[in-house]
Amino acid sequence: MLPPIYTWLKASNAVKAIIGNTPRAYRHGEAPQDVTQPYVTWALVAGVPDNQLSSTPPSDRYTVQVDCWHTTDKGVEDLAKAVRNAIEPNAHLTAIPVNNRDPETKLYRIALQFDVLQTR
C-alpha cells in the first residue's frame, strides 16, 4: 500500500555506501534518538487514489518526502544525490523544499519530494 522507499534505498550501492548496508532509513519522518549519522528519514505527505466511476481505483498516487541528514555540507549533497538516483527510476522528483542546517542538531539537511504512481 505504501511506496517501498526503504526497498529502493537498500537496492542502491551508492546509498548503502553512505548510510550502511542495513540502511539507516526511517519512516514517519523521524529517526531514533542518538542514531548514527548520516541517515535518511521519509514520510508520506499525501496520497490519493486514481478514482474511476466504473471500478475500483487501479492505482494510487503518493507524495513522499525523503530527508537526508549528514554532519557535513558535502556529505548531505552526496547523500541526496545517491537517494535521488535510487528513487527516480520509480518516481518523479517534484521539489527540493528544504536545504538547510538544523539549528538544534547542527546536521545538514536536504529534503526531496517525489510523486509515486503505484499500481494496486
PDB file of N, CA and C in Angstrom:
ATOM      1  N   MET A   1       0.812  -1.192   0.000  1.00  0.00           N
ATOM      2  CA  MET A   1       0.000   0.000   0.000  1.00  0.00           C
ATOM      3  C   MET A   1       0.860   1.262   0.000  1.00  0.00           C
ATOM      4  N   LEU A   2       1.962   1.276   0.694  1.00  0.00           N
ATOM      5  CA  LEU A   2       2.848   2.439   0.690  1.00  0.00           C
ATOM      6  C   LEU A   2       3.996   2.225  -0.280  1.00  0.00           C
ATOM      7  N   PRO A   3       4.548   3.296  -0.807  1.00  0.00           N
ATOM      8  CA  PRO A   3       5.689   3.145  -1.711  1.00  0.00           C
ATOM      9  C   PRO A   3       6.862   2.485  -0.980  1.00  0.00           C
ATOM     10  N   PRO A   4       7.571   1.589  -1.646  1.00  0.00           N
ATOM     11  CA  PRO A   4       8.660   0.852  -0.995  1.00  0.00           C
ATOM     12  C   PRO A   4       9.974   1.648  -0.962  1.00  0.00           C
ATOM     13  N   ILE A   5       9.943   2.782  -0.307  1.00  0.00           N
ATOM     14  CA  ILE A   5      11.116   3.664  -0.260  1.00  0.00           C
ATOM     15  C   ILE A   5      12.329   2.927   0.299  1.00  0.00           C
ATOM     16  N   TYR A   6      12.152   2.236   1.421  1.00  0.00           N
ATOM     17  CA  TYR A   6      13.280   1.532   2.043  1.00  0.00           C
ATOM     18  C   TYR A   6      13.871   0.504   1.078  1.00  0.00           C
ATOM     19  N   THR A   7      13.030  -0.230   0.390  1.00  0.00           N
ATOM     20  CA  THR A   7      13.491  -1.243  -0.566  1.00  0.00           C
ATOM     21  C   THR A   7      14.320  -0.602  -1.673  1.00  0.00           C
ATOM     22  N   TRP A   8      13.859   0.527  -2.185  1.00  0.00           N
ATOM     23  CA  TRP A   8      14.607   1.212  -3.246  1.00  0.00           C
ATOM     24  C   TRP A   8      15.952   1.713  -2.734  1.00  0.00           C
ATOM     25  N   LEU A   9      15.977   2.236  -1.512  1.00  0.00           N
ATOM     26  CA  LEU A   9      17.243   2.717  -0.945  1.00  0.00           C
ATOM     27  C   LEU A   9      18.200   1.559  -0.691  1.00  0.00           C
ATOM     28  N   LYS A  10      17.664   0.461  -0.176  1.00  0.00           N
ATOM     29  CA  LYS A  10      18.501  -0.705   0.135  1.00  0.00           C
ATOM     30  C   LYS A  10      19.091  -1.334  -1.126  1.00  0.00           C
ATOM     31  N   ALA A  11      18.444  -1.165  -2.255  1.00  0.00           N
ATOM     32  CA  ALA A  11      18.937  -1.734  -3.516  1.00  0.00           C
ATOM     33  C   ALA A  11      20.076  -0.911  -4.117  1.00  0.00           C
ATOM     34  N   SER A  12      20.342   0.251  -3.549  1.00  0.00           N
ATOM     35  CA  SER A  12      21.356   1.155  -4.108  1.00  0.00           C
ATOM     36  C   SER A  12      22.691   1.018  -3.378  1.00  0.00           C
ATOM     37  N   ASN A  13      23.716   0.613  -4.105  1.00  0.00           N
ATOM     38  CA  ASN A  13      25.053   0.529  -3.506  1.00  0.00           C
ATOM     39  C   ASN A  13      25.562   1.900  -3.086  1.00  0.00           C
ATOM     40  N   ALA A  14      25.234   2.932  -3.853  1.00  0.00           N
ATOM     41  CA  ALA A  14      25.682   4.289  -3.510  1.00  0.00           C
ATOM     42  C   ALA A  14      25.061   4.761  -2.194  1.00  0.00           C
ATOM     43  N   VAL A  15      23.781   4.465  -1.995  1.00  0.00           N
ATOM     44  CA  VAL A  15      23.117   4.828  -0.738  1.00  0.00           C
ATOM     45  C   VAL A  15      23.723   4.034   0.411  1.00  0.00           C
ATOM     46  N   LYS A  16      23.880   2.725   0.225  1.00  0.00           N
ATOM     47  CA  LYS A  16      24.428   1.884   1.295  1.00  0.00           C
ATOM     48  C   LYS A  16      25.853   2.271   1.656  1.00  0.00           C
ATOM     49  N   ALA A  17      26.617   2.765   0.697  1.00  0.00           N
ATOM     50  CA  ALA A  17      27.988   3.199   0.988  1.00  0.00           C
ATOM     51  C   ALA A  17      27.998   4.381   1.959  1.00  0.00           C
ATOM     52  N   ILE A  18      26.913   5.134   1.988  1.00  0.00           N
ATOM     53  CA  ILE A  18      26.845   6.314   2.854  1.00  0.00           C
ATOM     54  C   ILE A  18      26.103   6.032   4.155  1.00  0.00           C
ATOM     55  N   ILE A  19      24.976   5.304   4.090  1.00  0.00           N
ATOM     56  CA  ILE A  19      24.172   5.110   5.309  1.00  0.00           C
ATOM     57  C   ILE A  19      24.107   3.656   5.768  1.00  0.00           C
ATOM     58  N   GLY A  20      25.013   2.822   5.297  1.00  0.00           N
ATOM     59  CA  GLY A  20      25.138   1.469   5.824  1.00  0.00           C
ATOM     60  C   GLY A  20      24.441   0.407   5.002  1.00  0.00           C
ATOM     61  N   ASN A  21      24.956  -0.830   5.117  1.00  0.00           N
ATOM     62  CA  ASN A  21      24.387  -1.961   4.373  1.00  0.00           C
ATOM     63  C   ASN A  21      22.972  -2.292   4.805  1.00  0.00           C
ATOM     64  N   THR A  22      22.667  -2.066   6.070  1.00  0.00           N
ATOM     65  CA  THR A  22      21.283  -2.067   6.521  1.00  0.00           C
ATOM     66  C   THR A  22      20.964  -0.586   6.664  1.00  0.00           C
ATOM     67  N   PRO A  23      20.470   0.018   5.603  1.00  0.00           N
ATOM     68  CA  PRO A  23      20.416   1.483   5.552  1.00  0.00           C
ATOM     69  C   PRO A  23      19.697   2.103   6.750  1.00  0.00           C
ATOM     70  N   ARG A  24      20.328   3.140   7.271  1.00  0.00           N
ATOM     71  CA  ARG A  24      19.700   3.911   8.343  1.00  0.00           C
ATOM     72  C   ARG A  24      18.684   4.845   7.682  1.00  0.00           C
ATOM     73  N   ALA A  25      17.527   4.271   7.365  1.00  0.00           N
ATOM     74  CA  ALA A  25      16.433   4.991   6.709  1.00  0.00           C
ATOM     75  C   ALA A  25      15.172   4.707   7.513  1.00  0.00           C
ATOM     76  N   TYR A  26      14.551   5.754   8.005  1.00  0.00           N
ATOM     77  CA  TYR A  26      13.469   5.611   8.972  1.00  0.00           C
ATOM     78  C   TYR A  26      12.203   6.289   8.478  1.00  0.00           C
ATOM     79  N   ARG A  27      11.093   5.590   8.690  1.00  0.00           N
ATOM     80  CA  ARG A  27       9.785   6.069   8.260  1.00  0.00           C
ATOM     81  C   ARG A  27       9.194   7.043   9.275  1.00  0.00           C
ATOM     82  N   HIS A  28       8.121   7.672   8.911  1.00  0.00           N
ATOM     83  CA  HIS A  28       7.361   8.611   9.736  1.00  0.00           C
ATOM     84  C   HIS A  28       8.112   9.911   9.990  1.00  0.00           C
ATOM     85  N   GLY A  29       9.178  10.158   9.224  1.00  0.00           N
ATOM     86  CA  GLY A  29       9.868  11.431   9.330  1.00  0.00           C
ATOM     87  C   GLY A  29      10.733  11.620  10.550  1.00  0.00           C
ATOM     88  N   GLU A  30      10.985  10.547  11.299  1.00  0.00           N
ATOM     89  CA  GLU A  30      11.852  10.708  12.458  1.00  0.00           C
ATOM     90  C   GLU A  30      12.728   9.485  12.673  1.00  0.00           C
ATOM     91  N   ALA A  31      13.921   9.758  13.171  1.00  0.00           N
ATOM     92  CA  ALA A  31      14.896   8.707  13.441  1.00  0.00           C
ATOM     93  C   ALA A  31      14.961   8.467  14.949  1.00  0.00           C
ATOM     94  N   PRO A  32      15.474   7.300  15.355  1.00  0.00           N
ATOM     95  CA  PRO A  32      15.642   7.053  16.785  1.00  0.00           C
ATOM     96  C   PRO A  32      16.605   8.073  17.410  1.00  0.00           C
ATOM     97  N   GLN A  33      16.416   8.319  18.683  1.00  0.00           N
ATOM     98  CA  GLN A  33      17.325   9.222  19.396  1.00  0.00           C
ATOM     99  C   GLN A  33      18.740   8.649  19.362  1.00  0.00           C
ATOM    100  N   ASP A  34      19.720   9.508  19.215  1.00  0.00           N
ATOM    101  CA  ASP A  34      21.140   9.126  19.204  1.00  0.00           C
ATOM    102  C   ASP A  34      21.491   8.180  18.060  1.00  0.00           C
ATOM    103  N   VAL A  35      20.795   8.280  16.949  1.00  0.00           N
ATOM    104  CA  VAL A  35      21.075   7.448  15.780  1.00  0.00           C
ATOM    105  C   VAL A  35      22.443   7.820  15.212  1.00  0.00           C
ATOM    106  N   THR A  36      23.113   6.836  14.641  1.00  0.00           N
ATOM    107  CA  THR A  36      24.374   7.092  13.955  1.00  0.00           C
ATOM    108  C   THR A  36      24.101   7.932  12.715  1.00  0.00           C
ATOM    109  N   GLN A  37      24.933   8.930  12.493  1.00  0.00           N
ATOM    110  CA  GLN A  37      24.804   9.748  11.296  1.00  0.00           C
ATOM    111  C   GLN A  37      25.818   9.284  10.267  1.00  0.00           C
ATOM    112  N   PRO A  38      25.531   9.499   9.004  1.00  0.00           N
ATOM    113  CA  PRO A  38      24.345  10.097   8.393  1.00  0.00           C
ATOM    114  C   PRO A  38      23.183   9.109   8.336  1.00  0.00           C
ATOM    115  N   TYR A  39      22.008   9.648   8.008  1.00  0.00           N
ATOM    116  CA  TYR A  39      20.817   8.811   7.902  1.00  0.00           C
ATOM    117  C   TYR A  39      19.775   9.518   7.043  1.00  0.00           C
ATOM    118  N   VAL A  40      18.682   8.800   6.786  1.00  0.00           N
ATOM    119  CA  VAL A  40      17.571   9.311   5.977  1.00  0.00           C
ATOM    120  C   VAL A  40      16.282   9.100   6.757  1.00  0.00           C
ATOM    121  N   THR A  41      15.384  10.070   6.686  1.00  0.00           N
ATOM    122  CA  THR A  41      14.019   9.873   7.176  1.00  0.00           C
ATOM    123  C   THR A  41      13.072  10.110   6.000  1.00  0.00           C
ATOM    124  N   TRP A  42      11.929   9.466   6.052  1.00  0.00           N
ATOM    125  CA  TRP A  42      10.947   9.688   4.984  1.00  0.00           C
ATOM    126  C   TRP A  42       9.544   9.615   5.548  1.00  0.00           C
ATOM    127  N   ALA A  43       8.639  10.316   4.888  1.00  0.00           N
ATOM    128  CA  ALA A  43       7.251  10.347   5.335  1.00  0.00           C
ATOM    129  C   ALA A  43       6.332  10.531   4.137  1.00  0.00           C
ATOM    130  N   LEU A  44       5.165   9.975   4.271  1.00  0.00           N
ATOM    131  CA  LEU A  44       4.115  10.153   3.273  1.00  0.00           C
ATOM    132  C   LEU A  44       3.482  11.524   3.505  1.00  0.00           C
ATOM    133  N   VAL A  45       3.540  12.384   2.505  1.00  0.00           N
ATOM    134  CA  VAL A  45       2.980  13.731   2.606  1.00  0.00           C
ATOM    135  C   VAL A  45       1.515  13.729   2.185  1.00  0.00           C
ATOM    136  N   ALA A  46       1.193  12.971   1.139  1.00  0.00           N
ATOM    137  CA  ALA A  46      -0.174  12.900   0.634  1.00  0.00           C
ATOM    138  C   ALA A  46      -0.341  11.618  -0.162  1.00  0.00           C
ATOM    139  N   GLY A  47      -1.570  11.176  -0.249  1.00  0.00           N
ATOM    140  CA  GLY A  47      -1.886  10.013  -1.062  1.00  0.00           C
ATOM    141  C   GLY A  47      -3.308  10.111  -1.568  1.00  0.00           C
ATOM    142  N   VAL A  48      -3.491   9.863  -2.861  1.00  0.00           N
ATOM    143  CA  VAL A  48      -4.829   9.911  -3.442  1.00  0.00           C
ATOM    144  C   VAL A  48      -5.011   8.733  -4.392  1.00  0.00           C
ATOM    145  N   PRO A  49      -6.187   8.106  -4.352  1.00  0.00           N
ATOM    146  CA  PRO A  49      -6.454   7.038  -5.305  1.00  0.00           C
ATOM    147  C   PRO A  49      -6.803   7.613  -6.672  1.00  0.00           C
ATOM    148  N   ASP A  50      -6.555   6.833  -7.690  1.00  0.00           N
ATOM    149  CA  ASP A  50      -6.947   7.181  -9.058  1.00  0.00           C
ATOM    150  C   ASP A  50      -8.386   6.703  -9.237  1.00  0.00           C
ATOM    151  N   ASN A  51      -9.324   7.455  -8.669  1.00  0.00           N
ATOM    152  CA  ASN A  51     -10.727   7.049  -8.664  1.00  0.00           C
ATOM    153  C   ASN A  51     -11.317   7.000 -10.065  1.00  0.00           C
ATOM    154  N   GLN A  52     -12.189   5.993 -10.267  1.00  0.00           N
ATOM    155  CA  GLN A  52     -12.912   5.830 -11.514  1.00  0.00           C
ATOM    156  C   GLN A  52     -14.352   5.466 -11.192  1.00  0.00           C
ATOM    157  N   LEU A  53     -15.258   5.859 -12.039  1.00  0.00           N
ATOM    158  CA  LEU A  53     -16.662   5.551 -11.796  1.00  0.00           C
ATOM    159  C   LEU A  53     -16.985   4.082 -12.045  1.00  0.00           C
ATOM    160  N   SER A  54     -16.271   3.458 -12.963  1.00  0.00           N
ATOM    161  CA  SER A  54     -16.640   2.111 -13.392  1.00  0.00           C
ATOM    162  C   SER A  54     -16.016   0.991 -12.560  1.00  0.00           C
ATOM    163  N   SER A  55     -15.003   1.302 -11.752  1.00  0.00           N
ATOM    164  CA  SER A  55     -14.343   0.229 -10.994  1.00  0.00           C
ATOM    165  C   SER A  55     -13.540   0.820  -9.839  1.00  0.00           C
ATOM    166  N   THR A  56     -12.949  -0.065  -9.079  1.00  0.00           N
ATOM    167  CA  THR A  56     -12.080   0.403  -8.001  1.00  0.00           C
ATOM    168  C   THR A  56     -10.832   1.056  -8.605  1.00  0.00           C
ATOM    169  N   PRO A  57     -10.183   1.915  -7.872  1.00  0.00           N
ATOM    170  CA  PRO A  57      -9.003   2.598  -8.413  1.00  0.00           C
ATOM    171  C   PRO A  57      -7.900   1.606  -8.789  1.00  0.00           C
ATOM    172  N   PRO A  58      -7.360   1.723  -9.994  1.00  0.00           N
ATOM    173  CA  PRO A  58      -6.296   0.818 -10.407  1.00  0.00           C
ATOM    174  C   PRO A  58      -4.929   1.204  -9.841  1.00  0.00           C
ATOM    175  N   SER A  59      -4.834   2.442  -9.334  1.00  0.00           N
ATOM    176  CA  SER A  59      -3.543   2.902  -8.820  1.00  0.00           C
ATOM    177  C   SER A  59      -3.762   4.008  -7.790  1.00  0.00           C
ATOM    178  N   ASP A  60      -2.701   4.292  -7.067  1.00  0.00           N
ATOM    179  CA  ASP A  60      -2.684   5.383  -6.100  1.00  0.00           C
ATOM    180  C   ASP A  60      -1.489   6.273  -6.411  1.00  0.00           C
ATOM    181  N   ARG A  61      -1.649   7.562  -6.132  1.00  0.00           N
ATOM    182  CA  ARG A  61      -0.526   8.490  -6.297  1.00  0.00           C
ATOM    183  C   ARG A  61      -0.155   9.028  -4.924  1.00  0.00           C
ATOM    184  N   TYR A  62       1.121   8.926  -4.618  1.00  0.00           N
ATOM    185  CA  TYR A  62       1.635   9.372  -3.332  1.00  0.00           C
ATOM    186  C   TYR A  62       2.659  10.477  -3.527  1.00  0.00           C
ATOM    187  N   THR A  63       2.675  11.400  -2.596  1.00  0.00           N
ATOM    188  CA  THR A  63       3.778  12.351  -2.486  1.00  0.00           C
ATOM    189  C   THR A  63       4.553  11.961  -1.240  1.00  0.00           C
ATOM    190  N   VAL A  64       5.832  11.726  -1.432  1.00  0.00           N
ATOM    191  CA  VAL A  64       6.704  11.272  -0.351  1.00  0.00           C
ATOM    192  C   VAL A  64       7.831  12.284  -0.190  1.00  0.00           C
ATOM    193  N   GLN A  65       8.122  12.638   1.051  1.00  0.00           N
ATOM    194  CA  GLN A  65       9.283  13.491   1.322  1.00  0.00           C
ATOM    195  C   GLN A  65      10.371  12.641   1.953  1.00  0.00           C
ATOM    196  N   VAL A  66      11.558  12.709   1.382  1.00  0.00           N
ATOM    197  CA  VAL A  66      12.721  11.977   1.878  1.00  0.00           C
ATOM    198  C   VAL A  66      13.739  13.015   2.331  1.00  0.00           C
ATOM    199  N   ASP A  67      14.079  12.978   3.622  1.00  0.00           N
ATOM    200  CA  ASP A  67      15.023  13.935   4.186  1.00  0.00           C
ATOM    201  C   ASP A  67      16.370  13.262   4.396  1.00  0.00           C
ATOM    202  N   CYS A  68      17.411  13.885   3.886  1.00  0.00           N
ATOM    203  CA  CYS A  68      18.779  13.390   4.022  1.00  0.00           C
ATOM    204  C   CYS A  68      19.464  14.209   5.110  1.00  0.00           C
ATOM    205  N   TRP A  69      20.130  13.525   6.044  1.00  0.00           N
ATOM    206  CA  TRP A  69      20.776  14.175   7.184  1.00  0.00           C
ATOM    207  C   TRP A  69      22.241  13.764   7.224  1.00  0.00           C
ATOM    208  N   HIS A  70      23.123  14.755   7.391  1.00  0.00           N
ATOM    209  CA  HIS A  70      24.566  14.462   7.406  1.00  0.00           C
ATOM    210  C   HIS A  70      25.286  15.515   8.243  1.00  0.00           C
ATOM    211  N   THR A  71      26.478  15.160   8.703  1.00  0.00           N
ATOM    212  CA  THR A  71      27.270  16.074   9.529  1.00  0.00           C
ATOM    213  C   THR A  71      27.997  17.135   8.714  1.00  0.00           C
ATOM    214  N   THR A  72      28.110  16.931   7.393  1.00  0.00           N
ATOM    215  CA  THR A  72      28.813  17.911   6.557  1.00  0.00           C
ATOM    216  C   THR A  72      27.943  18.334   5.378  1.00  0.00           C
ATOM    217  N   ASP A  73      28.240  19.520   4.871  1.00  0.00           N
ATOM    218  CA  ASP A  73      27.508  20.043   3.720  1.00  0.00           C
ATOM    219  C   ASP A  73      27.738  19.178   2.481  1.00  0.00           C
ATOM    220  N   LYS A  74      28.985  18.837   2.207  1.00  0.00           N
ATOM    221  CA  LYS A  74      29.284  17.980   1.051  1.00  0.00           C
ATOM    222  C   LYS A  74      28.653  16.606   1.231  1.00  0.00           C
ATOM    223  N   GLY A  75      28.703  16.096   2.451  1.00  0.00           N
ATOM    224  CA  GLY A  75      28.131  14.781   2.727  1.00  0.00           C
ATOM    225  C   GLY A  75      26.638  14.723   2.461  1.00  0.00           C
ATOM    226  N   VAL A  76      25.909  15.768   2.857  1.00  0.00           N
ATOM    227  CA  VAL A  76      24.463  15.755   2.638  1.00  0.00           C
ATOM    228  C   VAL A  76      24.145  15.881   1.151  1.00  0.00           C
ATOM    229  N   GLU A  77      24.965  16.621   0.413  1.00  0.00           N
ATOM    230  CA  GLU A  77      24.756  16.706  -1.038  1.00  0.00           C
ATOM    231  C   GLU A  77      25.002  15.356  -1.707  1.00  0.00           C
ATOM    232  N   ASP A  78      26.062  14.665  -1.290  1.00  0.00           N
ATOM    233  CA  ASP A  78      26.346  13.338  -1.848  1.00  0.00           C
ATOM    234  C   ASP A  78      25.229  12.351  -1.516  1.00  0.00           C
ATOM    235  N   LEU A  79      24.731  12.412  -0.286  1.00  0.00           N
ATOM    236  CA  LEU A  79      23.648  11.518   0.122  1.00  0.00           C
ATOM    237  C   LEU A  79      22.374  11.829  -0.662  1.00  0.00           C
ATOM    238  N   ALA A  80      22.038  13.096  -0.796  1.00  0.00           N
ATOM    239  CA  ALA A  80      20.830  13.468  -1.547  1.00  0.00           C
ATOM    240  C   ALA A  80      20.922  13.010  -3.000  1.00  0.00           C
ATOM    241  N   LYS A  81      22.094  13.135  -3.584  1.00  0.00           N
ATOM    242  CA  LYS A  81      22.276  12.681  -4.972  1.00  0.00           C
ATOM    243  C   LYS A  81      22.085  11.166  -5.070  1.00  0.00           C
ATOM    244  N   ALA A  82      22.654  10.420  -4.122  1.00  0.00           N
ATOM    245  CA  ALA A  82      22.509   8.958  -4.132  1.00  0.00           C
ATOM    246  C   ALA A  82      21.051   8.554  -3.927  1.00  0.00           C
ATOM    247  N   VAL A  83      20.367   9.227  -3.007  1.00  0.00           N
ATOM    248  CA  VAL A  83      18.951   8.935  -2.750  1.00  0.00           C
ATOM    249  C   VAL A  83      18.120   9.245  -3.995  1.00  0.00           C
ATOM    250  N   ARG A  84      18.370  10.379  -4.595  1.00  0.00           N
ATOM    251  CA  ARG A  84      17.631  10.739  -5.815  1.00  0.00           C
ATOM    252  C   ARG A  84      17.829   9.687  -6.898  1.00  0.00           C
ATOM    253  N   ASN A  85      19.075   9.277  -7.114  1.00  0.00           N
ATOM    254  CA  ASN A  85      19.355   8.275  -8.144  1.00  0.00           C
ATOM    255  C   ASN A  85      18.717   6.926  -7.822  1.00  0.00           C
ATOM    256  N   ALA A  86      18.559   6.607  -6.539  1.00  0.00           N
ATOM    257  CA  ALA A  86      17.941   5.340  -6.142  1.00  0.00           C
ATOM    258  C   ALA A  86      16.428   5.349  -6.341  1.00  0.00           C
ATOM    259  N   ILE A  87      15.804   6.496  -6.132  1.00  0.00           N
ATOM    260  CA  ILE A  87      14.341   6.563  -6.163  1.00  0.00           C
ATOM    261  C   ILE A  87      13.796   6.951  -7.536  1.00  0.00           C
ATOM    262  N   GLU A  88      14.516   7.796  -8.275  1.00  0.00           N
ATOM    263  CA  GLU A  88      13.970   8.320  -9.538  1.00  0.00           C
ATOM    264  C   GLU A  88      13.616   7.284 -10.599  1.00  0.00           C
ATOM    265  N   PRO A  89      14.228   6.114 -10.652  1.00  0.00           N
ATOM    266  CA  PRO A  89      13.735   5.141 -11.631  1.00  0.00           C
ATOM    267  C   PRO A  89      12.292   4.705 -11.364  1.00  0.00           C
ATOM    268  N   ASN A  90      11.799   4.963 -10.142  1.00  0.00           N
ATOM    269  CA  ASN A  90      10.467   4.527  -9.739  1.00  0.00           C
ATOM    270  C   ASN A  90       9.503   5.672  -9.453  1.00  0.00           C
ATOM    271  N   ALA A  91       9.987   6.899  -9.445  1.00  0.00           N
ATOM    272  CA  ALA A  91       9.174   8.049  -9.039  1.00  0.00           C
ATOM    273  C   ALA A  91       9.715   9.306  -9.708  1.00  0.00           C
ATOM    274  N   HIS A  92       8.953  10.387  -9.592  1.00  0.00           N
ATOM    275  CA  HIS A  92       9.368  11.665 -10.174  1.00  0.00           C
ATOM    276  C   HIS A  92       9.721  12.643  -9.060  1.00  0.00           C
ATOM    277  N   LEU A  93      10.924  13.195  -9.117  1.00  0.00           N
ATOM    278  CA  LEU A  93      11.289  14.257  -8.188  1.00  0.00           C
ATOM    279  C   LEU A  93      10.482  15.497  -8.554  1.00  0.00           C
ATOM    280  N   THR A  94       9.765  16.057  -7.583  1.00  0.00           N
ATOM    281  CA  THR A  94       8.912  17.214  -7.862  1.00  0.00           C
ATOM    282  C   THR A  94       9.355  18.474  -7.137  1.00  0.00           C
ATOM    283  N   ALA A  95      10.176  18.331  -6.084  1.00  0.00           N
ATOM    284  CA  ALA A  95      10.601  19.519  -5.342  1.00  0.00           C
ATOM    285  C   ALA A  95      11.777  19.183  -4.432  1.00  0.00           C
ATOM    286  N   ILE A  96      12.527  20.229  -4.121  1.00  0.00           N
ATOM    287  CA  ILE A  96      13.552  20.169  -3.073  1.00  0.00           C
ATOM    288  C   ILE A  96      13.164  21.277  -2.092  1.00  0.00           C
ATOM    289  N   PRO A  97      12.223  20.968  -1.167  1.00  0.00           N
ATOM    290  CA  PRO A  97      11.649  22.015  -0.332  1.00  0.00           C
ATOM    291  C   PRO A  97      12.532  22.493   0.822  1.00  0.00           C
ATOM    292  N   VAL A  98      13.570  21.726   1.165  1.00  0.00           N
ATOM    293  CA  VAL A  98      14.414  22.103   2.301  1.00  0.00           C
ATOM    294  C   VAL A  98      15.872  21.874   1.944  1.00  0.00           C
ATOM    295  N   ASN A  99      16.702  22.870   2.256  1.00  0.00           N
ATOM    296  CA  ASN A  99      18.151  22.761   2.109  1.00  0.00           C
ATOM    297  C   ASN A  99      18.734  23.682   3.175  1.00  0.00           C
ATOM    298  N   ASN A 100      18.991  23.118   4.370  1.00  0.00           N
ATOM    299  CA  ASN A 100      19.440  23.965   5.464  1.00  0.00           C
ATOM    300  C   ASN A 100      20.280  23.178   6.470  1.00  0.00           C
ATOM    301  N   ARG A 101      20.612  23.843   7.551  1.00  0.00           N
ATOM    302  CA  ARG A 101      21.302  23.208   8.672  1.00  0.00           C
ATOM    303  C   ARG A 101      20.395  23.343   9.881  1.00  0.00           C
ATOM    304  N   ASP A 102      20.092  22.207  10.503  1.00  0.00           N
ATOM    305  CA  ASP A 102      19.198  22.204  11.651  1.00  0.00           C
ATOM    306  C   ASP A 102      19.875  22.922  12.824  1.00  0.00           C
ATOM    307  N   PRO A 103      19.238  23.945  13.388  1.00  0.00           N
ATOM    308  CA  PRO A 103      19.879  24.710  14.454  1.00  0.00           C
ATOM    309  C   PRO A 103      20.091  23.914  15.744  1.00  0.00           C
ATOM    310  N   GLU A 104      19.251  22.918  15.968  1.00  0.00           N
ATOM    311  CA  GLU A 104      19.368  22.142  17.209  1.00  0.00           C
ATOM    312  C   GLU A 104      20.425  21.047  17.104  1.00  0.00           C
ATOM    313  N   THR A 105      20.354  20.239  16.046  1.00  0.00           N
ATOM    314  CA  THR A 105      21.282  19.103  15.913  1.00  0.00           C
ATOM    315  C   THR A 105      22.573  19.478  15.203  1.00  0.00           C
ATOM    316  N   LYS A 106      22.558  20.615  14.498  1.00  0.00           N
ATOM    317  CA  LYS A 106      23.695  21.066  13.672  1.00  0.00           C
ATOM    318  C   LYS A 106      23.939  20.156  12.471  1.00  0.00           C
ATOM    319  N   LEU A 107      22.968  19.314  12.137  1.00  0.00           N
ATOM    320  CA  LEU A 107      23.088  18.455  10.965  1.00  0.00           C
ATOM    321  C   LEU A 107      22.599  19.201   9.728  1.00  0.00           C
ATOM    322  N   TYR A 108      23.248  18.922   8.608  1.00  0.00           N
ATOM    323  CA  TYR A 108      22.810  19.461   7.329  1.00  0.00           C
ATOM    324  C   TYR A 108      21.668  18.593   6.810  1.00  0.00           C
ATOM    325  N   ARG A 109      20.703  19.252   6.137  1.00  0.00           N
ATOM    326  CA  ARG A 109      19.506  18.544   5.683  1.00  0.00           C
ATOM    327  C   ARG A 109      19.130  19.005   4.282  1.00  0.00           C
ATOM    328  N   ILE A 110      18.857  18.024   3.441  1.00  0.00           N
ATOM    329  CA  ILE A 110      18.238  18.275   2.141  1.00  0.00           C
ATOM    330  C   ILE A 110      17.015  17.375   2.058  1.00  0.00           C
ATOM    331  N   ALA A 111      15.865  17.982   1.768  1.00  0.00           N
ATOM    332  CA  ALA A 111      14.627  17.221   1.616  1.00  0.00           C
ATOM    333  C   ALA A 111      14.280  17.130   0.132  1.00  0.00           C
ATOM    334  N   LEU A 112      13.879  15.949  -0.279  1.00  0.00           N
ATOM    335  CA  LEU A 112      13.480  15.689  -1.660  1.00  0.00           C
ATOM    336  C   LEU A 112      12.026  15.217  -1.651  1.00  0.00           C
ATOM    337  N   GLN A 113      11.194  15.786  -2.518  1.00  0.00           N
ATOM    338  CA  GLN A 113       9.810  15.318  -2.635  1.00  0.00           C
ATOM    339  C   GLN A 113       9.630  14.599  -3.961  1.00  0.00           C
ATOM    340  N   PHE A 114       9.005  13.439  -3.861  1.00  0.00           N
ATOM    341  CA  PHE A 114       8.764  12.601  -5.034  1.00  0.00           C
ATOM    342  C   PHE A 114       7.277  12.308  -5.158  1.00  0.00           C
ATOM    343  N   ASP A 115       6.804  12.205  -6.390  1.00  0.00           N
ATOM    344  CA  ASP A 115       5.474  11.662  -6.662  1.00  0.00           C
ATOM    345  C   ASP A 115       5.656  10.238  -7.161  1.00  0.00           C
ATOM    346  N   VAL A 116       4.902   9.335  -6.556  1.00  0.00           N
ATOM    347  CA  VAL A 116       4.985   7.913  -6.876  1.00  0.00           C
ATOM    348  C   VAL A 116       3.609   7.458  -7.345  1.00  0.00           C
ATOM    349  N   LEU A 117       3.540   6.855  -8.516  1.00  0.00           N
ATOM    350  CA  LEU A 117       2.307   6.252  -9.007  1.00  0.00           C
ATOM    351  C   LEU A 117       2.442   4.750  -8.807  1.00  0.00           C
ATOM    352  N   GLN A 118       1.573   4.204  -7.973  1.00  0.00           N
ATOM    353  CA  GLN A 118       1.697   2.794  -7.613  1.00  0.00           C
ATOM    354  C   GLN A 118       0.444   2.027  -8.023  1.00  0.00           C
ATOM    355  N   THR A 119       0.637   1.012  -8.844  1.00  0.00           N
ATOM    356  CA  THR A 119      -0.467   0.155  -9.266  1.00  0.00           C
ATOM    357  C   THR A 119      -0.933  -0.671  -8.079  1.00  0.00           C
ATOM    358  N   ARG A 120      -2.244  -0.824  -7.975  1.00  0.00           N
ATOM    359  CA  ARG A 120      -2.799  -1.590  -6.846  1.00  0.00           C
ATOM    360  C   ARG A 120      -2.870  -3.057  -7.163  1.00  0.00           C
TER     361      ARG A 120
END
